Amino acid sequence: MMYYGLTMKSDLGGGSLHINFAVSALMEIPALLLVYFLIDRIGRRQLVVFGLLTAGICLIFNCIIGDDVSFYWGMLQMMITKGAVTVSYTAMYTYTSELFPTVIRNTAVGCCSTIARVGAIMSSYMALWLVDSYGKLAMVIPFTALSLIAAILTAVFLPETMNKPMPESISEVEGTEI
């Protein structure tokens, strides 16, 4: 949700909507390069958690500083947030497919992708509705909360999959392989 919500409201940091959208889109290039070079070095889970926490912290910072900052500080904050969300979003594709056993991998990844698309649809409407109804900082609260909750749940409950064989059966995932 956060990725699409930030894309829809790229003017969050102030300034021109068109310039912010272009810079936001360009921030995906270094973020994708970062994932490309780090995903096999530091791990999938760490990249997902890092991206979600960084984006959540940046959005909290955005709430605190409000609109009383220069265009450049707003742009920098928006660039860091968008880059962090892109890192998390990109690493999540690899991470998700490695979490599920072979016998259900395609179905499980398809279900996750469907749920993600529903979230993307919801985030677009949610971002526009919150901004129109309550102001642009109201959009930050649910996206920040979801980002921080997802980071904590990922860090605490999900295993790292880097350099580990992908599970073949459901019992391997449950840890009850006979």
Protein backbone atom coordinates (compact mmCIF):
# COMPACT_ATOMS: atom_id res chain seq x y z
CA MET A 1 0.00 0.00 0.00
CA MET A 2 2.74 2.40 0.93
CA TYR A 3 4.52 2.17 -2.42
CA TYR A 4 1.44 3.09 -4.40
CA GLY A 5 0.22 5.62 -1.85
CA LEU A 6 3.51 7.51 -2.05
CA THR A 7 3.48 7.30 -5.82
CA MET A 8 -0.03 8.76 -5.93
CA LYS A 9 0.85 11.58 -3.56
CA SER A 10 4.38 12.44 -4.64
CA ASP A 11 3.74 16.10 -3.78
CA LEU A 12 3.89 15.18 -0.08
CA GLY A 13 7.18 17.05 0.38
CA GLY A 14 5.82 20.25 -1.16
CA GLY A 15 6.75 21.88 -4.43
CA SER A 16 5.68 21.05 -7.95
CA LEU A 17 3.66 17.88 -8.43
CA HIS A 18 5.32 17.17 -11.78
CA ILE A 19 8.90 17.67 -10.59
CA ASN A 20 8.24 15.63 -7.45
CA PHE A 21 6.70 12.80 -9.47
CA ALA A 22 9.67 12.75 -11.86
CA VAL A 23 12.20 12.78 -9.02
CA SER A 24 10.19 10.12 -7.19
CA ALA A 25 10.26 7.91 -10.28
CA LEU A 26 13.99 8.50 -10.74
CA MET A 27 14.64 7.45 -7.13
CA GLU A 28 13.63 3.95 -8.09
CA ILE A 29 16.80 3.52 -10.17
CA PRO A 30 19.32 3.81 -7.29
CA ALA A 31 16.96 1.84 -5.05
CA LEU A 32 16.79 -1.01 -7.57
CA LEU A 33 20.58 -0.96 -7.95
CA LEU A 34 20.94 -1.09 -4.18
CA VAL A 35 18.72 -4.17 -4.03
CA TYR A 36 20.57 -5.77 -6.93
CA PHE A 37 23.94 -5.46 -5.19
CA LEU A 38 22.86 -6.11 -1.59
CA ILE A 39 20.16 -8.78 -1.73
CA ASP A 40 22.71 -11.63 -1.81
CA ARG A 41 25.06 -9.93 0.64
CA ILE A 42 22.92 -8.81 3.57
CA GLY A 43 19.76 -10.82 3.01
CA ARG A 44 16.20 -10.44 1.92
CA ARG A 45 14.63 -9.94 5.33
CA GLN A 46 17.12 -7.23 6.29
CA LEU A 47 16.41 -5.29 3.10
CA VAL A 48 12.65 -5.53 3.60
CA VAL A 49 12.87 -4.46 7.25
CA PHE A 50 15.39 -1.69 6.46
CA GLY A 51 13.17 -0.28 3.72
CA LEU A 52 10.00 -0.37 5.79
CA LEU A 53 11.61 1.12 8.90
CA THR A 54 13.39 3.86 6.95
CA ALA A 55 10.20 4.82 5.14
CA GLY A 56 8.20 4.79 8.37
CA ILE A 57 10.75 6.96 10.17
CA CYS A 58 10.86 9.40 7.25
CA LEU A 59 7.07 9.68 7.29
CA ILE A 60 7.09 10.31 11.05
CA PHE A 61 9.69 13.01 10.41
CA ASN A 62 7.37 14.44 7.75
CA CYS A 63 4.55 14.66 10.31
CA ILE A 64 6.79 16.40 12.83
CA ILE A 65 8.25 19.00 10.48
CA GLY A 66 5.02 19.58 8.57
CA ASP A 67 5.13 22.15 5.79
CA ASP A 68 7.56 24.47 7.58
CA VAL A 69 10.65 23.30 5.70
CA SER A 70 12.40 24.38 2.56
CA PHE A 71 11.62 22.75 -0.75
CA TYR A 72 14.99 20.96 -0.71
CA TRP A 73 14.44 19.34 2.71
CA GLY A 74 10.97 18.22 1.67
CA MET A 75 12.35 16.84 -1.59
CA LEU A 76 15.19 15.02 0.21
CA GLN A 77 12.77 13.47 2.68
CA MET A 78 10.46 12.37 -0.14
CA MET A 79 13.39 10.90 -2.11
CA ILE A 80 14.63 8.89 0.87
CA THR A 81 11.11 7.65 1.63
CA LYS A 82 10.44 6.61 -1.97
CA GLY A 83 13.85 4.94 -2.27
CA ALA A 84 13.34 3.02 0.97
CA VAL A 85 9.87 1.85 -0.05
CA THR A 86 11.21 0.76 -3.44
CA VAL A 87 14.00 -1.24 -1.75
CA SER A 88 11.46 -2.99 0.46
CA TYR A 89 8.95 -3.56 -2.34
CA THR A 90 11.57 -5.02 -4.68
CA ALA A 91 13.24 -7.27 -2.10
CA MET A 92 9.82 -8.51 -1.03
CA TYR A 93 9.23 -10.23 -4.38
CA THR A 94 12.29 -12.46 -3.96
CA TYR A 95 11.66 -12.94 -0.26
CA THR A 96 8.01 -13.93 -0.69
CA SER A 97 8.73 -16.60 -3.28
CA GLU A 98 11.47 -18.12 -1.11
CA LEU A 99 9.26 -18.39 1.98
CA PHE A 100 6.80 -20.88 0.50
CA PRO A 101 7.43 -24.57 -0.20
CA THR A 102 7.61 -25.78 -3.79
CA VAL A 103 4.28 -27.62 -3.66
CA ILE A 104 2.33 -24.39 -3.05
CA ARG A 105 4.79 -21.70 -4.17
CA ASN A 106 2.97 -20.54 -7.32
CA THR A 107 -0.42 -20.49 -5.64
CA ALA A 108 0.90 -18.73 -2.53
CA VAL A 109 2.82 -16.09 -4.49
CA GLY A 110 -0.25 -15.56 -6.66
CA CYS A 111 -2.41 -15.05 -3.57
CA CYS A 112 0.14 -12.62 -2.12
CA SER A 113 0.26 -10.74 -5.41
CA THR A 114 -3.54 -10.53 -5.52
CA ILE A 115 -3.67 -9.20 -1.96
CA ALA A 116 -0.95 -6.69 -2.86
CA ARG A 117 -2.98 -5.47 -5.84
CA VAL A 118 -6.05 -5.04 -3.64
CA GLY A 119 -3.85 -3.02 -1.28
CA ALA A 120 -2.62 -0.95 -4.22
CA ILE A 121 -6.18 -0.16 -5.26
CA MET A 122 -7.12 0.71 -1.68
CA SER A 123 -4.05 2.89 -1.20
CA SER A 124 -4.88 5.03 -4.21
CA TYR A 125 -8.36 5.78 -2.97
CA MET A 126 -7.27 6.03 0.64
CA ALA A 127 -4.52 8.54 -0.17
CA LEU A 128 -6.82 10.75 -2.23
CA TRP A 129 -9.69 10.54 0.28
CA LEU A 130 -7.50 11.28 3.31
CA VAL A 131 -5.82 14.24 1.64
CA ASP A 132 -9.11 15.69 0.39
CA SER A 133 -10.92 15.16 3.70
CA TYR A 134 -8.27 15.85 6.33
CA GLY A 135 -5.20 17.38 4.70
CA LYS A 136 -2.06 15.93 3.27
CA LEU A 137 -0.50 14.89 6.58
CA ALA A 138 -3.50 12.67 7.39
CA MET A 139 -2.35 10.33 4.64
CA VAL A 140 0.92 9.75 6.46
CA ILE A 141 -0.60 8.17 9.58
CA PRO A 142 -2.00 4.89 8.17
CA PHE A 143 0.94 4.38 5.80
CA THR A 144 3.43 4.99 8.62
CA ALA A 145 1.60 2.63 10.97
CA LEU A 146 1.37 -0.11 8.34
CA SER A 147 5.03 0.29 7.44
CA LEU A 148 6.26 0.06 11.03
CA ILE A 149 3.95 -2.86 11.87
CA ALA A 150 5.07 -4.77 8.77
CA ALA A 151 8.74 -4.13 9.59
CA ILE A 152 8.34 -5.39 13.15
CA LEU A 153 6.35 -8.47 12.13
CA THR A 154 8.87 -9.32 9.40
CA ALA A 155 11.84 -8.90 11.74
CA VAL A 156 10.30 -10.94 14.54
CA PHE A 157 8.39 -13.74 12.83
CA LEU A 158 9.80 -14.42 9.36
CA PRO A 159 13.04 -16.35 8.75
CA GLU A 160 15.92 -15.19 6.57
CA THR A 161 16.00 -17.13 3.30
CA MET A 162 19.40 -16.09 1.95
CA ASN A 163 21.78 -19.02 1.28
CA LYS A 164 19.21 -21.52 2.52
CA PRO A 165 17.60 -24.20 0.37
CA MET A 166 14.04 -23.44 -0.57
CA PRO A 167 11.56 -25.69 1.23
CA GLU A 168 10.12 -28.54 -0.81
CA SER A 169 7.19 -29.49 1.42
CA ILE A 170 4.85 -27.87 3.89
CA SER A 171 6.29 -29.96 6.72
CA GLU A 172 9.75 -28.45 6.05
CA VAL A 173 8.31 -24.97 6.55
CA GLU A 174 6.59 -26.05 9.73
CA GLY A 175 9.84 -27.59 10.95
CA THR A 176 8.38 -31.08 11.29
CA GLU A 177 10.25 -32.83 8.48
CA ILE A 178 10.38 -36.59 9.17
